[in-house]
Amino acid sequence: MKVYYEANKRRWNELVGIHAKSGGYDITGFLRGKSSLHAPELEALPDVEGKSLLHLQCYFGMDTLSWARRGAKVTGVDFSDEAIDMARYLAQKTSLDATFINCNLYDLPQHLDEQFDIVYTSYGVLCWLDGVEEWARIVAQYLKPGGTFFLAEFHPFVWIYDDDNLTDLVIKYDYWHKAEPDHYVGDKAYASGGMKLKNTDEYGWAHPLGTVVTALIDASLRIRSLREYPYSVDEDQFKFMKKDTEGYWRLPGDPLPLMYSIKATKP
C-alpha cells in the first residue's frame, strides 16, 4: 500500500500550491471571513461553541478553521505536509487557535492521545483509504463517550461513472471494494480552471455505502441518521451538471444521489 499512498501524497502536495492560487478554493474570500462549510454539516452540527472537534483528512484546513470561527476548539489531521503547512499559515493569518498534525490517518494514534466531543470529515475523503474498518475504529477511539461523529461524502454510486464524459452517465468503474485500488491518470487539477499537474498518477478505493455504515456499527457507534442528497458541492463531478439557486450542482431531473451523510454517536 505504501507505493499508492506515496503517489497520492506527491499529487496532493503539488495540488496545495495550485489550489492556493485558484478561485476554486477562494482563499482570499476565506481570509476575509467566508466560511467553507456546507448545508449538510451545518444542519447536522448547528452548535459547536466550546466543543472540541477533530477534523480527519482536513487538507489545508479551511473547514477546520471555519469550525473554529463558529467557536469549536479544533485539531486537523492530514497526510500532506504541504497541506498542513498551508493550514498553519491560514490559522496564523486569521488569528484562529488551531492544532494541525501531519500524518497518515492510520498512524494518528502514534501522534495524538486525546478524545473529542466531535469527530468530523467530509467530501472526497474515503476513496483515499484502502480500508474503512480501521478508519471507523480510529473515529471511535477519538470520540468521547456521548460524542458525535459526522461524515459528509460523495455517494459511492457516483464513482462508477466516467466523469470525463461530456453528455451522459456511462459506467466505467466497479461499485464494489477491491484490495487493489483503481488507478487514475490525469494532468488537470480539479477546482483550478484546468491548471496542469506534474504528478499525474493517483490511486483510490471504492467503499460501498453498506460497508461504511457496517464499519461504524462494528466500531460500536450508534447511527443516528443516514441522509442522501440529490446535489453535489463539486461542480467537476459531471460535466453536464447545472448549478441550483443554493449554489450546489445537480444532474437534470435529480436521478441519482450525489452525496450522503452519516451522523453517529458513541455510547
C-alpha atoms as a PDB file:
ATOM      1  CA  MET A   1       0.000   0.000   0.000  1.00  0.00           C
ATOM      2  CA  LYS A   2       2.924   2.326   0.637  1.00  0.00           C
ATOM      3  CA  VAL A   3       3.582   2.981  -3.048  1.00  0.00           C
ATOM      4  CA  TYR A   4      -0.040   4.044  -3.583  1.00  0.00           C
ATOM      5  CA  TYR A   5      -0.035   6.406  -0.614  1.00  0.00           C
ATOM      6  CA  GLU A   6       3.274   7.934  -1.650  1.00  0.00           C
ATOM      7  CA  ALA A   7       1.965   8.617  -5.174  1.00  0.00           C
ATOM      8  CA  ASN A   8      -1.188  10.197  -3.762  1.00  0.00           C
ATOM      9  CA  LYS A   9       0.838  12.290  -1.337  1.00  0.00           C
ATOM     10  CA  ARG A  10       3.041  13.632  -4.134  1.00  0.00           C
ATOM     11  CA  ARG A  11      -0.051  14.611  -6.088  1.00  0.00           C
ATOM     12  CA  TRP A  12      -1.746  16.283  -3.115  1.00  0.00           C
ATOM     13  CA  ASN A  13       1.425  18.129  -2.156  1.00  0.00           C
ATOM     14  CA  GLU A  14       1.532  19.560  -5.661  1.00  0.00           C
ATOM     15  CA  LEU A  15      -2.174  20.410  -5.571  1.00  0.00           C
ATOM     16  CA  VAL A  16      -1.776  22.593  -2.476  1.00  0.00           C
ATOM     17  CA  GLY A  17       0.119  25.341  -4.289  1.00  0.00           C
ATOM     18  CA  ILE A  18      -2.229  25.189  -7.271  1.00  0.00           C
ATOM     19  CA  HIS A  19      -5.370  25.335  -5.146  1.00  0.00           C
ATOM     20  CA  ALA A  20      -3.979  28.149  -3.019  1.00  0.00           C
ATOM     21  CA  LYS A  21      -3.800  30.296  -6.157  1.00  0.00           C
ATOM     22  CA  SER A  22      -7.091  29.160  -7.697  1.00  0.00           C
ATOM     23  CA  GLY A  23     -10.528  30.648  -7.431  1.00  0.00           C
ATOM     24  CA  GLY A  24     -11.990  27.236  -6.706  1.00  0.00           C
ATOM     25  CA  TYR A  25     -10.916  27.323  -3.074  1.00  0.00           C
ATOM     26  CA  ASP A  26     -11.206  31.120  -2.764  1.00  0.00           C
ATOM     27  CA  ILE A  27      -8.607  31.584  -0.058  1.00  0.00           C
ATOM     28  CA  THR A  28      -8.956  35.352  -0.479  1.00  0.00           C
ATOM     29  CA  GLY A  29     -12.639  35.138   0.423  1.00  0.00           C
ATOM     30  CA  PHE A  30     -11.863  32.791   3.305  1.00  0.00           C
ATOM     31  CA  LEU A  31      -9.318  35.199   4.773  1.00  0.00           C
ATOM     32  CA  ARG A  32     -11.988  37.907   4.611  1.00  0.00           C
ATOM     33  CA  GLY A  33     -14.343  35.780   6.696  1.00  0.00           C
ATOM     34  CA  LYS A  34     -16.103  33.475   4.220  1.00  0.00           C
ATOM     35  CA  SER A  35     -16.970  30.008   5.551  1.00  0.00           C
ATOM     36  CA  SER A  36     -16.094  26.892   3.539  1.00  0.00           C
ATOM     37  CA  LEU A  37     -18.768  24.775   5.253  1.00  0.00           C
ATOM     38  CA  HIS A  38     -21.885  23.488   3.505  1.00  0.00           C
ATOM     39  CA  ALA A  39     -25.507  22.819   4.381  1.00  0.00           C
ATOM     40  CA  PRO A  40     -25.251  19.100   5.375  1.00  0.00           C
ATOM     41  CA  GLU A  41     -22.626  19.654   8.077  1.00  0.00           C
ATOM     42  CA  LEU A  42     -24.109  22.934   9.307  1.00  0.00           C
ATOM     43  CA  GLU A  43     -27.539  21.338   9.696  1.00  0.00           C
ATOM     44  CA  ALA A  44     -26.075  18.300  11.484  1.00  0.00           C
ATOM     45  CA  LEU A  45     -23.765  20.282  13.785  1.00  0.00           C
ATOM     46  CA  PRO A  46     -25.568  23.573  14.434  1.00  0.00           C
ATOM     47  CA  ASP A  47     -23.872  24.361  17.760  1.00  0.00           C
ATOM     48  CA  VAL A  48     -20.157  23.674  18.183  1.00  0.00           C
ATOM     49  CA  GLU A  49     -19.412  26.581  20.534  1.00  0.00           C
ATOM     50  CA  GLY A  50     -16.863  25.487  23.152  1.00  0.00           C
ATOM     51  CA  LYS A  51     -16.700  21.904  21.858  1.00  0.00           C
ATOM     52  CA  SER A  52     -13.533  20.070  20.892  1.00  0.00           C
ATOM     53  CA  LEU A  53     -13.508  18.954  17.258  1.00  0.00           C
ATOM     54  CA  LEU A  54     -11.123  16.616  15.440  1.00  0.00           C
ATOM     55  CA  HIS A  55     -11.108  17.013  11.650  1.00  0.00           C
ATOM     56  CA  LEU A  56      -9.733  13.949   9.849  1.00  0.00           C
ATOM     57  CA  GLN A  57      -8.240  14.397   6.366  1.00  0.00           C
ATOM     58  CA  CYS A  58      -8.501  18.161   6.707  1.00  0.00           C
ATOM     59  CA  TYR A  59      -6.397  19.117   3.639  1.00  0.00           C
ATOM     60  CA  PHE A  60      -5.233  22.699   4.228  1.00  0.00           C
ATOM     61  CA  GLY A  61      -7.691  23.386   6.980  1.00  0.00           C
ATOM     62  CA  MET A  62     -10.316  25.765   5.612  1.00  0.00           C
ATOM     63  CA  ASP A  63     -13.164  23.651   7.014  1.00  0.00           C
ATOM     64  CA  THR A  64     -11.238  23.136  10.247  1.00  0.00           C
ATOM     65  CA  LEU A  65     -10.796  26.866  10.680  1.00  0.00           C
ATOM     66  CA  SER A  66     -14.395  27.541   9.630  1.00  0.00           C
ATOM     67  CA  TRP A  67     -15.443  25.391  12.603  1.00  0.00           C
ATOM     68  CA  ALA A  68     -13.055  27.404  14.772  1.00  0.00           C
ATOM     69  CA  ARG A  69     -14.826  30.567  13.656  1.00  0.00           C
ATOM     70  CA  ARG A  70     -18.035  29.006  14.968  1.00  0.00           C
ATOM     71  CA  GLY A  71     -16.447  28.528  18.374  1.00  0.00           C
ATOM     72  CA  ALA A  72     -15.041  24.992  18.229  1.00  0.00           C
ATOM     73  CA  LYS A  73     -11.634  24.052  19.648  1.00  0.00           C
ATOM     74  CA  VAL A  74     -10.169  22.400  16.573  1.00  0.00           C
ATOM     75  CA  THR A  75      -7.498  19.878  15.621  1.00  0.00           C
ATOM     76  CA  GLY A  76      -6.911  18.957  11.968  1.00  0.00           C
ATOM     77  CA  VAL A  77      -5.047  15.957  10.528  1.00  0.00           C
ATOM     78  CA  ASP A  78      -3.761  15.339   7.018  1.00  0.00           C
ATOM     79  CA  PHE A  79      -1.062  13.212   5.356  1.00  0.00           C
ATOM     80  CA  SER A  80       0.130  16.047   3.088  1.00  0.00           C
ATOM     81  CA  ASP A  81       2.911  18.055   4.721  1.00  0.00           C
ATOM     82  CA  GLU A  82       2.381  20.884   2.236  1.00  0.00           C
ATOM     83  CA  ALA A  83      -1.309  20.995   3.163  1.00  0.00           C
ATOM     84  CA  ILE A  84      -0.546  21.135   6.886  1.00  0.00           C
ATOM     85  CA  ASP A  85       1.973  23.935   6.305  1.00  0.00           C
ATOM     86  CA  MET A  86      -0.737  25.877   4.465  1.00  0.00           C
ATOM     87  CA  ALA A  87      -3.270  25.141   7.228  1.00  0.00           C
ATOM     88  CA  ARG A  88      -0.903  26.551   9.845  1.00  0.00           C
ATOM     89  CA  TYR A  89      -0.326  29.610   7.657  1.00  0.00           C
ATOM     90  CA  LEU A  90      -4.080  30.195   7.334  1.00  0.00           C
ATOM     91  CA  ALA A  91      -4.515  29.801  11.105  1.00  0.00           C
ATOM     92  CA  GLN A  92      -1.828  32.400  11.676  1.00  0.00           C
ATOM     93  CA  LYS A  93      -3.295  34.789   9.085  1.00  0.00           C
ATOM     94  CA  THR A  94      -6.779  34.533  10.597  1.00  0.00           C
ATOM     95  CA  SER A  95      -5.578  34.564  14.223  1.00  0.00           C
ATOM     96  CA  LEU A  96      -7.562  31.398  14.893  1.00  0.00           C
ATOM     97  CA  ASP A  97      -6.462  28.900  17.524  1.00  0.00           C
ATOM     98  CA  ALA A  98      -5.985  25.515  15.870  1.00  0.00           C
ATOM     99  CA  THR A  99      -3.701  22.491  16.093  1.00  0.00           C
ATOM    100  CA  PHE A 100      -2.632  20.706  12.896  1.00  0.00           C
ATOM    101  CA  ILE A 101      -0.979  17.279  12.733  1.00  0.00           C
ATOM    102  CA  ASN A 102       0.818  15.883   9.685  1.00  0.00           C
ATOM    103  CA  CYS A 103       0.499  12.092   9.470  1.00  0.00           C
ATOM    104  CA  ASN A 104      -1.240   9.247   7.687  1.00  0.00           C
ATOM    105  CA  LEU A 105      -4.671   8.779   9.263  1.00  0.00           C
ATOM    106  CA  TYR A 106      -3.898   5.181  10.233  1.00  0.00           C
ATOM    107  CA  ASP A 107      -0.822   6.407  12.139  1.00  0.00           C
ATOM    108  CA  LEU A 108      -2.714   9.030  14.147  1.00  0.00           C
ATOM    109  CA  PRO A 109      -2.683   7.010  17.416  1.00  0.00           C
ATOM    110  CA  GLN A 110       1.111   7.436  17.383  1.00  0.00           C
ATOM    111  CA  HIS A 111       0.724  11.236  17.328  1.00  0.00           C
ATOM    112  CA  LEU A 112      -2.411  12.093  19.306  1.00  0.00           C
ATOM    113  CA  ASP A 113      -3.701  10.861  22.674  1.00  0.00           C
ATOM    114  CA  GLU A 114      -6.917  12.765  23.307  1.00  0.00           C
ATOM    115  CA  GLN A 115     -10.666  12.439  22.915  1.00  0.00           C
ATOM    116  CA  PHE A 116     -13.060  14.924  21.328  1.00  0.00           C
ATOM    117  CA  ASP A 117     -16.693  15.980  21.502  1.00  0.00           C
ATOM    118  CA  ILE A 118     -16.914  15.830  17.700  1.00  0.00           C
ATOM    119  CA  VAL A 119     -15.022  13.924  15.017  1.00  0.00           C
ATOM    120  CA  TYR A 120     -15.679  15.287  11.537  1.00  0.00           C
ATOM    121  CA  THR A 121     -14.637  14.506   7.968  1.00  0.00           C
ATOM    122  CA  SER A 122     -16.059  15.457   4.596  1.00  0.00           C
ATOM    123  CA  TYR A 123     -16.160  15.325   0.796  1.00  0.00           C
ATOM    124  CA  GLY A 124     -13.831  13.077  -1.159  1.00  0.00           C
ATOM    125  CA  VAL A 125     -12.033  11.538   1.809  1.00  0.00           C
ATOM    126  CA  LEU A 126     -12.814   7.820   1.997  1.00  0.00           C
ATOM    127  CA  CYS A 127     -11.597   6.968  -1.503  1.00  0.00           C
ATOM    128  CA  TRP A 128      -8.009   7.632  -0.389  1.00  0.00           C
ATOM    129  CA  LEU A 129      -8.185   4.941   2.310  1.00  0.00           C
ATOM    130  CA  ASP A 130      -7.570   1.294   1.472  1.00  0.00           C
ATOM    131  CA  GLY A 131      -9.987   0.153   4.190  1.00  0.00           C
ATOM    132  CA  VAL A 132     -12.728   1.729   6.292  1.00  0.00           C
ATOM    133  CA  GLU A 133     -12.756  -0.793   9.143  1.00  0.00           C
ATOM    134  CA  GLU A 134      -9.625   0.623  10.793  1.00  0.00           C
ATOM    135  CA  TRP A 135     -10.796   4.136   9.909  1.00  0.00           C
ATOM    136  CA  ALA A 136     -14.034   3.530  11.853  1.00  0.00           C
ATOM    137  CA  ARG A 137     -12.111   2.187  14.848  1.00  0.00           C
ATOM    138  CA  ILE A 138      -9.950   5.321  14.849  1.00  0.00           C
ATOM    139  CA  VAL A 139     -13.064   7.507  14.694  1.00  0.00           C
ATOM    140  CA  ALA A 140     -14.470   5.678  17.732  1.00  0.00           C
ATOM    141  CA  GLN A 141     -11.154   5.858  19.586  1.00  0.00           C
ATOM    142  CA  TYR A 142     -11.066   9.651  19.378  1.00  0.00           C
ATOM    143  CA  LEU A 143     -14.684  10.255  20.389  1.00  0.00           C
ATOM    144  CA  LYS A 144     -15.586  10.965  23.992  1.00  0.00           C
ATOM    145  CA  PRO A 145     -18.473   8.910  25.380  1.00  0.00           C
ATOM    146  CA  GLY A 146     -21.570  10.740  24.182  1.00  0.00           C
ATOM    147  CA  GLY A 147     -19.581  12.386  21.391  1.00  0.00           C
ATOM    148  CA  THR A 148     -20.765  12.854  17.807  1.00  0.00           C
ATOM    149  CA  PHE A 149     -19.221  11.710  14.545  1.00  0.00           C
ATOM    150  CA  PHE A 150     -20.259  13.322  11.262  1.00  0.00           C
ATOM    151  CA  LEU A 151     -19.292  12.330   7.733  1.00  0.00           C
ATOM    152  CA  ALA A 152     -20.394  14.125   4.559  1.00  0.00           C
ATOM    153  CA  GLU A 153     -19.202  12.346   1.448  1.00  0.00           C
ATOM    154  CA  PHE A 154     -19.783  11.889  -2.270  1.00  0.00           C
ATOM    155  CA  HIS A 155     -22.122   8.963  -2.832  1.00  0.00           C
ATOM    156  CA  PRO A 156     -20.231   5.768  -3.774  1.00  0.00           C
ATOM    157  CA  PHE A 157     -22.717   5.133  -6.579  1.00  0.00           C
ATOM    158  CA  VAL A 158     -21.366   8.255  -8.314  1.00  0.00           C
ATOM    159  CA  TRP A 159     -17.872   6.784  -8.624  1.00  0.00           C
ATOM    160  CA  ILE A 160     -18.947   4.047 -11.053  1.00  0.00           C
ATOM    161  CA  TYR A 161     -19.449   6.583 -13.857  1.00  0.00           C
ATOM    162  CA  ASP A 162     -16.967   8.100 -16.276  1.00  0.00           C
ATOM    163  CA  ASP A 163     -16.607  11.675 -15.030  1.00  0.00           C
ATOM    164  CA  ASP A 164     -14.898  12.733 -18.260  1.00  0.00           C
ATOM    165  CA  ASN A 165     -17.978  12.011 -20.364  1.00  0.00           C
ATOM    166  CA  LEU A 166     -19.418  15.307 -21.561  1.00  0.00           C
ATOM    167  CA  THR A 167     -23.036  14.334 -22.191  1.00  0.00           C
ATOM    168  CA  ASP A 168     -24.229  11.225 -20.350  1.00  0.00           C
ATOM    169  CA  LEU A 169     -23.800   8.786 -17.474  1.00  0.00           C
ATOM    170  CA  VAL A 170     -21.591   5.945 -18.672  1.00  0.00           C
ATOM    171  CA  ILE A 171     -20.493   3.173 -16.314  1.00  0.00           C
ATOM    172  CA  LYS A 172     -16.719   2.813 -16.167  1.00  0.00           C
ATOM    173  CA  TYR A 173     -15.740   1.548 -12.695  1.00  0.00           C
ATOM    174  CA  ASP A 174     -16.767  -1.146 -10.214  1.00  0.00           C
ATOM    175  CA  TYR A 175     -19.035  -0.228  -7.293  1.00  0.00           C
ATOM    176  CA  TRP A 176     -17.545  -2.902  -5.043  1.00  0.00           C
ATOM    177  CA  HIS A 177     -14.422  -2.555  -2.932  1.00  0.00           C
ATOM    178  CA  LYS A 178     -11.265  -4.296  -4.167  1.00  0.00           C
ATOM    179  CA  ALA A 179      -7.958  -4.809  -2.387  1.00  0.00           C
ATOM    180  CA  GLU A 180      -6.097  -3.163  -5.263  1.00  0.00           C
ATOM    181  CA  PRO A 181      -7.087   0.432  -5.954  1.00  0.00           C
ATOM    182  CA  ASP A 182      -8.325   1.962  -9.159  1.00  0.00           C
ATOM    183  CA  HIS A 183      -5.528   3.798 -10.953  1.00  0.00           C
ATOM    184  CA  TYR A 184      -6.327   7.208 -12.407  1.00  0.00           C
ATOM    185  CA  VAL A 185      -4.059   9.250 -14.652  1.00  0.00           C
ATOM    186  CA  GLY A 186      -4.776  12.928 -15.164  1.00  0.00           C
ATOM    187  CA  ASP A 187      -2.749  16.088 -15.540  1.00  0.00           C
ATOM    188  CA  LYS A 188      -5.552  18.541 -14.763  1.00  0.00           C
ATOM    189  CA  ALA A 189      -6.003  19.826 -11.231  1.00  0.00           C
ATOM    190  CA  TYR A 190      -9.611  19.964 -10.079  1.00  0.00           C
ATOM    191  CA  ALA A 191     -11.018  23.306  -8.846  1.00  0.00           C
ATOM    192  CA  SER A 192      -8.219  25.153 -10.618  1.00  0.00           C
ATOM    193  CA  GLY A 193      -9.571  26.116 -14.017  1.00  0.00           C
ATOM    194  CA  GLY A 194      -7.634  23.308 -15.706  1.00  0.00           C
ATOM    195  CA  MET A 195      -4.120  24.035 -14.413  1.00  0.00           C
ATOM    196  CA  LYS A 196      -1.706  21.190 -15.216  1.00  0.00           C
ATOM    197  CA  LEU A 197      -0.055  18.759 -12.804  1.00  0.00           C
ATOM    198  CA  LYS A 198       3.320  17.029 -12.997  1.00  0.00           C
ATOM    199  CA  ASN A 199       2.213  14.216 -10.668  1.00  0.00           C
ATOM    200  CA  THR A 200      -0.402  12.605 -12.871  1.00  0.00           C
ATOM    201  CA  ASP A 201      -0.975   9.312 -11.022  1.00  0.00           C
ATOM    202  CA  GLU A 202      -3.469   8.787  -8.229  1.00  0.00           C
ATOM    203  CA  TYR A 203      -4.996   5.719  -6.612  1.00  0.00           C
ATOM    204  CA  GLY A 204      -8.401   5.340  -4.989  1.00  0.00           C
ATOM    205  CA  TRP A 205     -10.525   2.641  -3.381  1.00  0.00           C
ATOM    206  CA  ALA A 206     -14.291   2.163  -3.666  1.00  0.00           C
ATOM    207  CA  HIS A 207     -16.226   1.853  -0.392  1.00  0.00           C
ATOM    208  CA  PRO A 208     -19.885   0.835  -0.813  1.00  0.00           C
ATOM    209  CA  LEU A 209     -22.347   2.609   1.451  1.00  0.00           C
ATOM    210  CA  GLY A 210     -23.218  -0.580   3.313  1.00  0.00           C
ATOM    211  CA  THR A 211     -19.532  -1.210   4.085  1.00  0.00           C
ATOM    212  CA  VAL A 212     -19.099   2.257   5.573  1.00  0.00           C
ATOM    213  CA  VAL A 213     -22.217   2.006   7.751  1.00  0.00           C
ATOM    214  CA  THR A 214     -21.338  -1.507   8.916  1.00  0.00           C
ATOM    215  CA  ALA A 215     -17.768  -0.459   9.799  1.00  0.00           C
ATOM    216  CA  LEU A 216     -19.111   2.299  12.053  1.00  0.00           C
ATOM    217  CA  ILE A 217     -21.588  -0.084  13.695  1.00  0.00           C
ATOM    218  CA  ASP A 218     -18.822  -2.650  14.236  1.00  0.00           C
ATOM    219  CA  ALA A 219     -16.781   0.096  15.917  1.00  0.00           C
ATOM    220  CA  SER A 220     -19.655   0.360  18.444  1.00  0.00           C
ATOM    221  CA  LEU A 221     -21.012   3.659  17.159  1.00  0.00           C
ATOM    222  CA  ARG A 222     -24.754   4.253  17.004  1.00  0.00           C
ATOM    223  CA  ILE A 223     -26.033   5.506  13.659  1.00  0.00           C
ATOM    224  CA  ARG A 224     -28.393   8.445  14.243  1.00  0.00           C
ATOM    225  CA  SER A 225     -29.012   9.438  10.642  1.00  0.00           C
ATOM    226  CA  LEU A 226     -28.133   8.428   7.101  1.00  0.00           C
ATOM    227  CA  ARG A 227     -29.112  11.014   4.509  1.00  0.00           C
ATOM    228  CA  GLU A 228     -28.726  11.127   0.728  1.00  0.00           C
ATOM    229  CA  TYR A 229     -28.665  14.321  -1.324  1.00  0.00           C
ATOM    230  CA  PRO A 230     -29.572  14.999  -4.979  1.00  0.00           C
ATOM    231  CA  TYR A 231     -26.938  17.737  -5.214  1.00  0.00           C
ATOM    232  CA  SER A 232     -23.155  17.992  -5.019  1.00  0.00           C
ATOM    233  CA  VAL A 233     -20.668  20.551  -3.725  1.00  0.00           C
ATOM    234  CA  ASP A 234     -18.373  19.557  -6.614  1.00  0.00           C
ATOM    235  CA  GLU A 235     -19.033  21.226  -9.950  1.00  0.00           C
ATOM    236  CA  ASP A 236     -16.491  18.919 -11.647  1.00  0.00           C
ATOM    237  CA  GLN A 237     -18.267  15.695 -10.694  1.00  0.00           C
ATOM    238  CA  PHE A 238     -20.014  15.541 -14.083  1.00  0.00           C
ATOM    239  CA  LYS A 239     -19.584  17.951 -16.979  1.00  0.00           C
ATOM    240  CA  PHE A 240     -23.323  18.347 -17.589  1.00  0.00           C
ATOM    241  CA  MET A 241     -24.492  19.292 -14.088  1.00  0.00           C
ATOM    242  CA  LYS A 242     -26.356  22.540 -13.530  1.00  0.00           C
ATOM    243  CA  LYS A 243     -25.954  24.989 -10.659  1.00  0.00           C
ATOM    244  CA  ASP A 244     -29.065  25.430  -8.497  1.00  0.00           C
ATOM    245  CA  THR A 245     -30.299  28.508  -6.653  1.00  0.00           C
ATOM    246  CA  GLU A 246     -28.435  27.489  -3.479  1.00  0.00           C
ATOM    247  CA  GLY A 247     -25.104  27.254  -5.327  1.00  0.00           C
ATOM    248  CA  TYR A 248     -24.972  23.431  -5.445  1.00  0.00           C
ATOM    249  CA  TRP A 249     -24.699  21.217  -8.533  1.00  0.00           C
ATOM    250  CA  ARG A 250     -27.363  18.819  -9.845  1.00  0.00           C
ATOM    251  CA  LEU A 251     -27.969  16.393 -12.665  1.00  0.00           C
ATOM    252  CA  PRO A 252     -31.015  17.231 -14.803  1.00  0.00           C
ATOM    253  CA  GLY A 253     -34.066  15.685 -13.123  1.00  0.00           C
ATOM    254  CA  ASP A 254     -32.131  14.667  -9.955  1.00  0.00           C
ATOM    255  CA  PRO A 255     -31.973  10.963 -10.962  1.00  0.00           C
ATOM    256  CA  LEU A 256     -29.184   9.951  -8.556  1.00  0.00           C
ATOM    257  CA  PRO A 257     -27.979  10.620  -5.032  1.00  0.00           C
ATOM    258  CA  LEU A 258     -24.756  12.597  -5.444  1.00  0.00           C
ATOM    259  CA  MET A 259     -23.763  12.839  -1.776  1.00  0.00           C
ATOM    260  CA  TYR A 260     -24.643  11.257   1.544  1.00  0.00           C
ATOM    261  CA  SER A 261     -24.033  11.956   5.204  1.00  0.00           C
ATOM    262  CA  ILE A 262     -23.858   9.870   8.368  1.00  0.00           C
ATOM    263  CA  LYS A 263     -24.291  11.118  11.896  1.00  0.00           C
ATOM    264  CA  ALA A 264     -23.355   8.731  14.698  1.00  0.00           C
ATOM    265  CA  THR A 265     -22.723   8.867  18.417  1.00  0.00           C
ATOM    266  CA  LYS A 266     -20.525   6.951  20.844  1.00  0.00           C
ATOM    267  CA  PRO A 267     -22.390   5.367  23.781  1.00  0.00           C
END
